[in-house]
Amino acid sequence: MPTNVARLRQCCGQLRIQAKALGASPEAGMLLAGAQQCDALAAQAGPGANAPELNILKTALAGRNVPPVCQGF
């Protein structure tokens, strides 16, 4: 598995963990939705893992406190 794809999958998992830690807050719902979208993108990602589809995830998570592994996509 290419490094960027592995990192993207780590990001998905960390988003899910962070959402769970936030409980039933609106922020948790947004992070959980981001994690689900992230999972779908990771399943489709090629070796570069810089597909234009990642822009959707970037936009959804912009301005939010995301795990460090998610920064830079």
PDB file of N, CA and C in Angstrom:
ATOM      1  N   MET A   1       0.852  -1.176   0.000  1.00  0.00           N
ATOM      2  CA  MET A   1       0.000   0.000   0.000  1.00  0.00           C
ATOM      3  C   MET A   1       0.900   1.243   0.000  1.00  0.00           C
ATOM      4  N   PRO A   2       0.647   2.165  -0.912  1.00  0.00           N
ATOM      5  CA  PRO A   2       1.450   3.396  -0.944  1.00  0.00           C
ATOM      6  C   PRO A   2       1.356   4.165   0.384  1.00  0.00           C
ATOM      7  N   THR A   3       2.419   4.858   0.720  1.00  0.00           N
ATOM      8  CA  THR A   3       2.495   5.595   1.981  1.00  0.00           C
ATOM      9  C   THR A   3       1.359   6.590   2.141  1.00  0.00           C
ATOM     10  N   ASN A   4       1.037   7.334   1.083  1.00  0.00           N
ATOM     11  CA  ASN A   4      -0.032   8.334   1.196  1.00  0.00           C
ATOM     12  C   ASN A   4      -1.388   7.695   1.458  1.00  0.00           C
ATOM     13  N   VAL A   5      -1.629   6.524   0.879  1.00  0.00           N
ATOM     14  CA  VAL A   5      -2.899   5.834   1.103  1.00  0.00           C
ATOM     15  C   VAL A   5      -2.953   5.334   2.549  1.00  0.00           C
ATOM     16  N   ALA A   6      -1.843   4.794   3.033  1.00  0.00           N
ATOM     17  CA  ALA A   6      -1.787   4.333   4.428  1.00  0.00           C
ATOM     18  C   ALA A   6      -2.019   5.504   5.378  1.00  0.00           C
ATOM     19  N   ARG A   7      -1.436   6.644   5.076  1.00  0.00           N
ATOM     20  CA  ARG A   7      -1.615   7.836   5.911  1.00  0.00           C
ATOM     21  C   ARG A   7      -3.058   8.323   5.868  1.00  0.00           C
ATOM     22  N   LEU A   8      -3.673   8.246   4.696  1.00  0.00           N
ATOM     23  CA  LEU A   8      -5.071   8.638   4.567  1.00  0.00           C
ATOM     24  C   LEU A   8      -5.954   7.726   5.412  1.00  0.00           C
ATOM     25  N   ARG A   9      -5.680   6.434   5.394  1.00  0.00           N
ATOM     26  CA  ARG A   9      -6.459   5.492   6.210  1.00  0.00           C
ATOM     27  C   ARG A   9      -6.261   5.776   7.701  1.00  0.00           C
ATOM     28  N   GLN A  10      -5.048   6.132   8.087  1.00  0.00           N
ATOM     29  CA  GLN A  10      -4.802   6.508   9.491  1.00  0.00           C
ATOM     30  C   GLN A  10      -5.623   7.734   9.851  1.00  0.00           C
ATOM     31  N   CYS A  11      -5.679   8.681   8.941  1.00  0.00           N
ATOM     32  CA  CYS A  11      -6.463   9.899   9.160  1.00  0.00           C
ATOM     33  C   CYS A  11      -7.924   9.543   9.383  1.00  0.00           C
ATOM     34  N   CYS A  12      -8.453   8.658   8.559  1.00  0.00           N
ATOM     35  CA  CYS A  12      -9.866   8.252   8.695  1.00  0.00           C
ATOM     36  C   CYS A  12     -10.114   7.688  10.093  1.00  0.00           C
ATOM     37  N   GLY A  13      -9.232   6.817  10.533  1.00  0.00           N
ATOM     38  CA  GLY A  13      -9.390   6.211  11.853  1.00  0.00           C
ATOM     39  C   GLY A  13      -9.278   7.227  12.974  1.00  0.00           C
ATOM     40  N   GLN A  14      -8.362   8.158  12.842  1.00  0.00           N
ATOM     41  CA  GLN A  14      -8.189   9.188  13.872  1.00  0.00           C
ATOM     42  C   GLN A  14      -9.385  10.132  13.922  1.00  0.00           C
ATOM     43  N   LEU A  15      -9.964  10.427  12.774  1.00  0.00           N
ATOM     44  CA  LEU A  15     -11.172  11.266  12.751  1.00  0.00           C
ATOM     45  C   LEU A  15     -12.299  10.573  13.515  1.00  0.00           C
ATOM     46  N   ARG A  16     -12.418   9.270  13.304  1.00  0.00           N
ATOM     47  CA  ARG A  16     -13.462   8.498  13.978  1.00  0.00           C
ATOM     48  C   ARG A  16     -13.237   8.488  15.492  1.00  0.00           C
ATOM     49  N   ILE A  17     -11.995   8.301  15.912  1.00  0.00           N
ATOM     50  CA  ILE A  17     -11.653   8.306  17.341  1.00  0.00           C
ATOM     51  C   ILE A  17     -11.960   9.662  17.957  1.00  0.00           C
ATOM     52  N   GLN A  18     -11.582  10.731  17.264  1.00  0.00           N
ATOM     53  CA  GLN A  18     -11.826  12.080  17.774  1.00  0.00           C
ATOM     54  C   GLN A  18     -13.331  12.357  17.861  1.00  0.00           C
ATOM     55  N   ALA A  19     -14.088  11.910  16.864  1.00  0.00           N
ATOM     56  CA  ALA A  19     -15.543  12.104  16.887  1.00  0.00           C
ATOM     57  C   ALA A  19     -16.158  11.377  18.080  1.00  0.00           C
ATOM     58  N   LYS A  20     -15.715  10.170  18.331  1.00  0.00           N
ATOM     59  CA  LYS A  20     -16.239   9.392  19.457  1.00  0.00           C
ATOM     60  C   LYS A  20     -15.943  10.089  20.783  1.00  0.00           C
ATOM     61  N   ALA A  21     -14.760  10.674  20.883  1.00  0.00           N
ATOM     62  CA  ALA A  21     -14.365  11.365  22.116  1.00  0.00           C
ATOM     63  C   ALA A  21     -15.217  12.604  22.370  1.00  0.00           C
ATOM     64  N   LEU A  22     -15.757  13.198  21.322  1.00  0.00           N
ATOM     65  CA  LEU A  22     -16.562  14.414  21.457  1.00  0.00           C
ATOM     66  C   LEU A  22     -18.017  14.125  21.802  1.00  0.00           C
ATOM     67  N   GLY A  23     -18.401  12.862  21.779  1.00  0.00           N
ATOM     68  CA  GLY A  23     -19.761  12.497  22.159  1.00  0.00           C
ATOM     69  C   GLY A  23     -20.790  12.898  21.116  1.00  0.00           C
ATOM     70  N   ALA A  24     -21.916  13.435  21.592  1.00  0.00           N
ATOM     71  CA  ALA A  24     -23.045  13.740  20.711  1.00  0.00           C
ATOM     72  C   ALA A  24     -23.047  15.188  20.222  1.00  0.00           C
ATOM     73  N   SER A  25     -21.913  15.823  20.181  1.00  0.00           N
ATOM     74  CA  SER A  25     -21.851  17.224  19.755  1.00  0.00           C
ATOM     75  C   SER A  25     -21.963  17.349  18.234  1.00  0.00           C
ATOM     76  N   PRO A  26     -22.359  18.525  17.757  1.00  0.00           N
ATOM     77  CA  PRO A  26     -22.397  18.754  16.303  1.00  0.00           C
ATOM     78  C   PRO A  26     -21.019  18.560  15.658  1.00  0.00           C
ATOM     79  N   GLU A  27     -19.972  18.947  16.370  1.00  0.00           N
ATOM     80  CA  GLU A  27     -18.605  18.777  15.858  1.00  0.00           C
ATOM     81  C   GLU A  27     -18.295  17.295  15.654  1.00  0.00           C
ATOM     82  N   ALA A  28     -18.750  16.461  16.577  1.00  0.00           N
ATOM     83  CA  ALA A  28     -18.538  15.020  16.456  1.00  0.00           C
ATOM     84  C   ALA A  28     -19.243  14.486  15.216  1.00  0.00           C
ATOM     85  N   GLY A  29     -20.443  14.959  14.970  1.00  0.00           N
ATOM     86  CA  GLY A  29     -21.177  14.538  13.780  1.00  0.00           C
ATOM     87  C   GLY A  29     -20.449  14.915  12.504  1.00  0.00           C
ATOM     88  N   MET A  30     -19.876  16.108  12.489  1.00  0.00           N
ATOM     89  CA  MET A  30     -19.128  16.555  11.310  1.00  0.00           C
ATOM     90  C   MET A  30     -17.880  15.695  11.110  1.00  0.00           C
ATOM     91  N   LEU A  31     -17.179  15.403  12.207  1.00  0.00           N
ATOM     92  CA  LEU A  31     -15.977  14.580  12.102  1.00  0.00           C
ATOM     93  C   LEU A  31     -16.313  13.151  11.681  1.00  0.00           C
ATOM     94  N   LEU A  32     -17.409  12.615  12.183  1.00  0.00           N
ATOM     95  CA  LEU A  32     -17.818  11.268  11.804  1.00  0.00           C
ATOM     96  C   LEU A  32     -18.179  11.212  10.320  1.00  0.00           C
ATOM     97  N   ALA A  33     -18.884  12.215   9.848  1.00  0.00           N
ATOM     98  CA  ALA A  33     -19.202  12.288   8.415  1.00  0.00           C
ATOM     99  C   ALA A  33     -17.921  12.396   7.596  1.00  0.00           C
ATOM    100  N   GLY A  34     -16.964  13.170   8.087  1.00  0.00           N
ATOM    101  CA  GLY A  34     -15.669  13.283   7.410  1.00  0.00           C
ATOM    102  C   GLY A  34     -14.936  11.955   7.381  1.00  0.00           C
ATOM    103  N   ALA A  35     -15.021  11.200   8.475  1.00  0.00           N
ATOM    104  CA  ALA A  35     -14.369   9.892   8.542  1.00  0.00           C
ATOM    105  C   ALA A  35     -14.983   8.934   7.528  1.00  0.00           C
ATOM    106  N   GLN A  36     -16.296   8.971   7.399  1.00  0.00           N
ATOM    107  CA  GLN A  36     -16.970   8.094   6.439  1.00  0.00           C
ATOM    108  C   GLN A  36     -16.584   8.456   5.004  1.00  0.00           C
ATOM    109  N   GLN A  37     -16.523   9.739   4.734  1.00  0.00           N
ATOM    110  CA  GLN A  37     -16.121  10.197   3.409  1.00  0.00           C
ATOM    111  C   GLN A  37     -14.656   9.828   3.168  1.00  0.00           C
ATOM    112  N   CYS A  38     -13.857   9.964   4.189  1.00  0.00           N
ATOM    113  CA  CYS A  38     -12.441   9.627   4.124  1.00  0.00           C
ATOM    114  C   CYS A  38     -12.258   8.145   3.790  1.00  0.00           C
ATOM    115  N   ASP A  39     -13.036   7.276   4.439  1.00  0.00           N
ATOM    116  CA  ASP A  39     -12.957   5.841   4.165  1.00  0.00           C
ATOM    117  C   ASP A  39     -13.228   5.548   2.691  1.00  0.00           C
ATOM    118  N   ALA A  40     -14.246   6.187   2.148  1.00  0.00           N
ATOM    119  CA  ALA A  40     -14.591   5.970   0.744  1.00  0.00           C
ATOM    120  C   ALA A  40     -13.464   6.433  -0.173  1.00  0.00           C
ATOM    121  N   LEU A  41     -12.870   7.572   0.148  1.00  0.00           N
ATOM    122  CA  LEU A  41     -11.767   8.092  -0.664  1.00  0.00           C
ATOM    123  C   LEU A  41     -10.540   7.198  -0.562  1.00  0.00           C
ATOM    124  N   ALA A  42     -10.255   6.699   0.634  1.00  0.00           N
ATOM    125  CA  ALA A  42      -9.092   5.831   0.835  1.00  0.00           C
ATOM    126  C   ALA A  42      -9.248   4.540   0.042  1.00  0.00           C
ATOM    127  N   ALA A  43     -10.471   4.047  -0.059  1.00  0.00           N
ATOM    128  CA  ALA A  43     -10.723   2.821  -0.813  1.00  0.00           C
ATOM    129  C   ALA A  43     -10.489   3.028  -2.313  1.00  0.00           C
ATOM    130  N   GLN A  44     -10.642   4.258  -2.787  1.00  0.00           N
ATOM    131  CA  GLN A  44     -10.500   4.563  -4.212  1.00  0.00           C
ATOM    132  C   GLN A  44      -9.150   5.185  -4.557  1.00  0.00           C
ATOM    133  N   ALA A  45      -8.379   5.565  -3.560  1.00  0.00           N
ATOM    134  CA  ALA A  45      -7.146   6.333  -3.795  1.00  0.00           C
ATOM    135  C   ALA A  45      -6.102   5.511  -4.534  1.00  0.00           C
ATOM    136  N   GLY A  46      -5.443   6.184  -5.440  1.00  0.00           N
ATOM    137  CA  GLY A  46      -4.347   5.575  -6.170  1.00  0.00           C
ATOM    138  C   GLY A  46      -3.032   5.849  -5.471  1.00  0.00           C
ATOM    139  N   PRO A  47      -1.937   5.517  -6.105  1.00  0.00           N
ATOM    140  CA  PRO A  47      -0.620   5.673  -5.489  1.00  0.00           C
ATOM    141  C   PRO A  47      -0.295   7.087  -5.023  1.00  0.00           C
ATOM    142  N   GLY A  48      -0.773   8.099  -5.732  1.00  0.00           N
ATOM    143  CA  GLY A  48      -0.463   9.467  -5.338  1.00  0.00           C
ATOM    144  C   GLY A  48      -1.284   9.961  -4.171  1.00  0.00           C
ATOM    145  N   ALA A  49      -2.465   9.427  -3.984  1.00  0.00           N
ATOM    146  CA  ALA A  49      -3.403   9.840  -2.933  1.00  0.00           C
ATOM    147  C   ALA A  49      -3.599  11.349  -2.896  1.00  0.00           C
ATOM    148  N   ASN A  50      -3.481  11.978  -4.027  1.00  0.00           N
ATOM    149  CA  ASN A  50      -3.727  13.417  -4.118  1.00  0.00           C
ATOM    150  C   ASN A  50      -4.834  13.672  -5.132  1.00  0.00           C
ATOM    151  N   ALA A  51      -5.793  12.773  -5.173  1.00  0.00           N
ATOM    152  CA  ALA A  51      -6.896  12.870  -6.120  1.00  0.00           C
ATOM    153  C   ALA A  51      -7.695  14.135  -5.864  1.00  0.00           C
ATOM    154  N   PRO A  52      -8.298  14.694  -6.895  1.00  0.00           N
ATOM    155  CA  PRO A  52      -9.120  15.891  -6.713  1.00  0.00           C
ATOM    156  C   PRO A  52     -10.238  15.682  -5.699  1.00  0.00           C
ATOM    157  N   GLU A  53     -10.683  14.439  -5.532  1.00  0.00           N
ATOM    158  CA  GLU A  53     -11.742  14.146  -4.574  1.00  0.00           C
ATOM    159  C   GLU A  53     -11.346  14.515  -3.151  1.00  0.00           C
ATOM    160  N   LEU A  54     -10.044  14.518  -2.869  1.00  0.00           N
ATOM    161  CA  LEU A  54      -9.587  14.891  -1.531  1.00  0.00           C
ATOM    162  C   LEU A  54      -9.929  16.336  -1.206  1.00  0.00           C
ATOM    163  N   ASN A  55     -10.148  17.152  -2.217  1.00  0.00           N
ATOM    164  CA  ASN A  55     -10.528  18.545  -1.977  1.00  0.00           C
ATOM    165  C   ASN A  55     -11.858  18.642  -1.247  1.00  0.00           C
ATOM    166  N   ILE A  56     -12.753  17.691  -1.497  1.00  0.00           N
ATOM    167  CA  ILE A  56     -14.037  17.665  -0.795  1.00  0.00           C
ATOM    168  C   ILE A  56     -13.806  17.471   0.691  1.00  0.00           C
ATOM    169  N   LEU A  57     -12.935  16.529   1.026  1.00  0.00           N
ATOM    170  CA  LEU A  57     -12.620  16.262   2.427  1.00  0.00           C
ATOM    171  C   LEU A  57     -11.893  17.455   3.049  1.00  0.00           C
ATOM    172  N   LYS A  58     -10.958  18.029   2.315  1.00  0.00           N
ATOM    173  CA  LYS A  58     -10.238  19.200   2.813  1.00  0.00           C
ATOM    174  C   LYS A  58     -11.204  20.331   3.152  1.00  0.00           C
ATOM    175  N   THR A  59     -12.167  20.559   2.261  1.00  0.00           N
ATOM    176  CA  THR A  59     -13.143  21.618   2.475  1.00  0.00           C
ATOM    177  C   THR A  59     -14.000  21.330   3.701  1.00  0.00           C
ATOM    178  N   ALA A  60     -14.437  20.086   3.843  1.00  0.00           N
ATOM    179  CA  ALA A  60     -15.294  19.709   4.968  1.00  0.00           C
ATOM    180  C   ALA A  60     -14.581  19.869   6.308  1.00  0.00           C
ATOM    181  N   LEU A  61     -13.274  19.657   6.321  1.00  0.00           N
ATOM    182  CA  LEU A  61     -12.521  19.710   7.575  1.00  0.00           C
ATOM    183  C   LEU A  61     -11.808  21.041   7.799  1.00  0.00           C
ATOM    184  N   ALA A  62     -11.900  21.939   6.845  1.00  0.00           N
ATOM    185  CA  ALA A  62     -11.214  23.233   6.956  1.00  0.00           C
ATOM    186  C   ALA A  62     -11.657  23.981   8.210  1.00  0.00           C
ATOM    187  N   GLY A  63     -10.693  24.498   8.933  1.00  0.00           N
ATOM    188  CA  GLY A  63     -10.977  25.288  10.125  1.00  0.00           C
ATOM    189  C   GLY A  63     -11.323  24.462  11.347  1.00  0.00           C
ATOM    190  N   ARG A  64     -11.285  23.162  11.219  1.00  0.00           N
ATOM    191  CA  ARG A  64     -11.594  22.289  12.354  1.00  0.00           C
ATOM    192  C   ARG A  64     -10.298  21.775  12.974  1.00  0.00           C
ATOM    193  N   ASN A  65     -10.392  21.376  14.208  1.00  0.00           N
ATOM    194  CA  ASN A  65      -9.254  20.807  14.909  1.00  0.00           C
ATOM    195  C   ASN A  65      -9.157  19.332  14.522  1.00  0.00           C
ATOM    196  N   VAL A  66      -8.311  19.023  13.554  1.00  0.00           N
ATOM    197  CA  VAL A  66      -8.187  17.658  13.069  1.00  0.00           C
ATOM    198  C   VAL A  66      -6.899  17.029  13.602  1.00  0.00           C
ATOM    199  N   PRO A  67      -6.851  15.701  13.657  1.00  0.00           N
ATOM    200  CA  PRO A  67      -5.640  15.020  14.109  1.00  0.00           C
ATOM    201  C   PRO A  67      -4.446  15.382  13.215  1.00  0.00           C
ATOM    202  N   PRO A  68      -3.265  15.406  13.787  1.00  0.00           N
ATOM    203  CA  PRO A  68      -2.066  15.775  12.998  1.00  0.00           C
ATOM    204  C   PRO A  68      -1.873  14.946  11.732  1.00  0.00           C
ATOM    205  N   VAL A  69      -2.216  13.658  11.773  1.00  0.00           N
ATOM    206  CA  VAL A  69      -2.031  12.821  10.595  1.00  0.00           C
ATOM    207  C   VAL A  69      -2.901  13.270   9.426  1.00  0.00           C
ATOM    208  N   CYS A  70      -3.947  14.038   9.702  1.00  0.00           N
ATOM    209  CA  CYS A  70      -4.860  14.506   8.646  1.00  0.00           C
ATOM    210  C   CYS A  70      -4.400  15.811   8.022  1.00  0.00           C
ATOM    211  N   GLN A  71      -3.458  16.459   8.613  1.00  0.00           N
ATOM    212  CA  GLN A  71      -3.002  17.745   8.084  1.00  0.00           C
ATOM    213  C   GLN A  71      -2.099  17.507   6.892  1.00  0.00           C
ATOM    214  N   GLY A  72      -2.221  18.336   5.899  1.00  0.00           N
ATOM    215  CA  GLY A  72      -1.365  18.264   4.737  1.00  0.00           C
ATOM    216  C   GLY A  72      -1.963  17.537   3.549  1.00  0.00           C
ATOM    217  N   PHE A  73      -3.184  17.039   3.660  1.00  0.00           N
ATOM    218  CA  PHE A  73      -3.809  16.394   2.500  1.00  0.00           C
ATOM    219  C   PHE A  73      -4.411  17.423   1.617  1.00  0.00           C
TER     220      PHE A  73
END
